[in-house]
Each structure stands twice: as structure tokens, then as C-alpha cells.
Protein backbone atom coordinates (compact mmCIF):
# COMPACT_ATOMS: atom_id res chain seq x y z
CA MET A 1 126.18 162.40 160.41
CA LEU A 2 125.55 164.52 156.87
CA SER A 3 128.18 164.87 154.62
CA PRO A 4 127.69 168.48 153.72
CA LEU A 5 126.91 169.28 157.66
CA TRP A 6 129.98 167.19 158.18
CA ARG A 7 131.58 169.66 156.70
CA PHE A 8 130.07 172.96 157.83
CA LEU A 9 131.08 172.12 160.85
CA LYS A 10 134.70 171.37 160.08
CA SER A 11 134.90 174.71 157.76
CA GLU A 12 131.96 176.80 159.02
CA SER A 13 131.65 176.92 155.13
CA CYS A 14 127.43 175.64 154.72
CA ILE A 15 125.40 173.72 156.37
CA LEU A 16 122.90 171.67 154.16
CA LEU A 17 119.86 169.76 155.71
CA SER A 18 118.09 166.32 154.02
CA SER A 19 114.23 166.13 154.08
CA PRO A 20 114.74 162.88 156.63
CA LEU A 21 116.51 165.19 159.39
CA SER A 22 114.21 168.33 158.77
CA SER A 23 111.21 165.48 159.86
CA PHE A 24 112.87 164.33 161.93
CA LEU A 25 114.13 167.68 163.12
CA LYS A 26 110.39 169.01 162.98
CA TYR A 27 108.53 165.77 164.10
CA THR A 28 110.11 164.93 167.03
CA SER A 29 110.56 168.61 168.31
CA CYS A 30 114.06 167.96 169.84
CA VAL A 31 116.66 171.07 168.18
CA LEU A 32 115.37 174.76 168.08
CA MET A 33 117.18 177.74 167.41
CA PRO A 34 117.25 181.00 169.02
CA SER A 35 117.76 183.75 166.14
CA PRO A 36 121.24 184.61 166.78
CA LEU A 37 122.83 181.47 166.41
CA TRP A 38 120.39 181.18 163.14
CA SER A 39 121.88 184.03 162.10
CA PHE A 40 125.47 183.17 163.04
CA LEU A 41 125.42 179.74 160.88
CA LYS A 42 124.06 181.78 157.84
CA SER A 43 126.80 184.67 158.33
CA LYS A 44 129.36 182.43 157.34
CA SER A 45 128.56 181.63 153.34
CA PHE A 46 125.40 180.12 152.85
CA VAL A 47 122.85 177.93 154.69
CA LEU A 48 120.35 174.59 152.55
CA LEU A 49 117.19 174.28 153.79
CA SER A 50 113.50 172.83 153.02
CA ALA A 51 110.51 174.37 153.71
CA PRO A 52 109.82 173.10 156.82
CA LEU A 53 112.73 173.33 158.63
CA TRP A 54 113.73 176.61 157.99
CA SER A 55 109.87 177.83 159.02
CA PHE A 56 110.44 175.17 162.00
CA LEU A 57 113.36 176.97 163.23
CA LYS A 58 112.31 180.66 162.63
CA SER A 59 109.20 180.57 164.49
CA LYS A 60 111.89 178.96 167.32
CA SER A 61 113.07 181.19 170.27
CA CYS A 62 115.80 178.34 171.63
CA VAL A 63 117.64 174.92 171.88
CA LEU A 64 116.14 172.28 173.46
CA MET A 65 117.28 168.47 173.32
CA SER A 66 114.89 165.80 174.56
CA ALA A 67 116.32 162.54 176.51
CA PRO A 68 116.01 159.84 173.60
CA LEU A 69 117.65 162.57 170.93
CA TRP A 70 120.53 162.80 173.97
CA SER A 71 120.81 159.14 174.33
CA PHE A 72 120.30 159.01 170.41
CA LEU A 73 123.18 161.11 170.16
CA LYS A 74 125.38 159.77 172.90
CA SER A 75 124.77 156.38 170.73
CA GLU A 76 126.65 157.38 167.55
CA SER A 77 130.47 159.07 166.73
CA CYS A 78 131.80 161.48 167.60
CA VAL A 79 132.21 165.38 165.46
CA LEU A 80 134.36 168.14 166.39
CA MET A 81 132.82 171.68 165.90
CA SER A 82 134.53 174.42 164.62
CA SER A 83 136.39 177.04 167.57
CA PRO A 84 134.36 179.87 166.58
CA LEU A 85 131.19 178.10 166.27
CA TRP A 86 131.96 176.06 170.17
CA SER A 87 132.69 179.45 171.46
CA PHE A 88 129.55 181.13 170.38
CA LEU A 89 126.92 178.48 171.52
CA GLU A 90 129.02 178.44 175.21
CA SER A 91 128.17 182.51 174.95
CA LYS A 92 124.98 182.21 175.20
CA SER A 93 122.42 181.92 178.50
CA CYS A 94 119.74 181.49 175.89
CA VAL A 95 120.99 178.20 174.76
CA LEU A 96 118.76 176.15 176.88
CA MET A 97 119.29 171.80 176.61
CA SER A 98 118.95 169.46 179.22
CA SER A 99 121.41 169.51 181.62
CA PRO A 100 123.84 166.45 180.45
CA LEU A 101 123.54 167.28 177.22
CA TRP A 102 125.05 170.89 177.96
CA SER A 103 127.20 169.96 180.61
CA PHE A 104 129.07 167.28 178.21
CA LEU A 105 129.04 170.17 175.05
CA LYS A 106 131.13 172.19 177.62
CA SER A 107 133.41 169.63 178.69
CA GLU A 108 133.77 167.95 175.36
CA SER A 109 133.69 170.14 172.75
CA CYS A 110 131.98 167.93 170.70
CA VAL A 111 128.65 166.59 169.04
CA LEU A 112 127.68 163.22 168.49
CA MET A 113 126.16 162.26 165.28
CA SER A 114 125.20 159.56 162.88
CA ALA A 115 125.65 158.58 159.52
CA SER A 116 121.75 157.95 159.51
CA LEU A 117 120.25 160.63 161.38
């Protein structure tokens, strides 16, 4: 994916989302983060987000992924999640995803992303 996000997932130090990624998330309504997850991400160090995506994430209450996004994720290469983030995601009943994606995350401990996203 974007190299800063790649680094975050491996080091838990920061998350940086560009305007193109922000637009993708906002207009496809693919990913919505719960407040506890958002707080977890912020606590790791610092978060840099475009204002529109920040507002979008703050206004939502659960994680949802559409079938088109799932297809996209499956087609790309692998980024390993940090163990603490993975454990957090796995433990939260408020995280709602398509069954195939949730099963994948629980069995593989990875997220498929692309530099082109």
C-alpha cells in the first residue's frame, strides 16, 4: 500500500493516508472504523489524515467491507499486521466484516493491500 501505512503496520509507529486513499474509502464506503480501533491506532504514535477522511471515520461505528473491496484486496500482495493490532482486531465483537474477509483475517493474520490503492 502506501509506504507510510506499510511502515505503520510493521512498526505500530504511525499511519499516513493520502488524499487518493481517503477518497477511495469515503466514496466507496468500504471501511468504517469503530472508535475503540481509532483510539488504538492514535495511541501508537501519531495519525495524519485528510480532514474529509477524519470526519468520515469519526462518524461511523463499525467496520464494513464491501464485496468489491474484498475482491481487490484478495488480488494484491500481502502486508503482515503487527501482533498487537491483530490481537485487537481479533478480540473486538464490534468489528463487522463480510464473513469471507473475517475468516481470512482470523486464519492468515494478514491484510492484502496494494501500492496502487
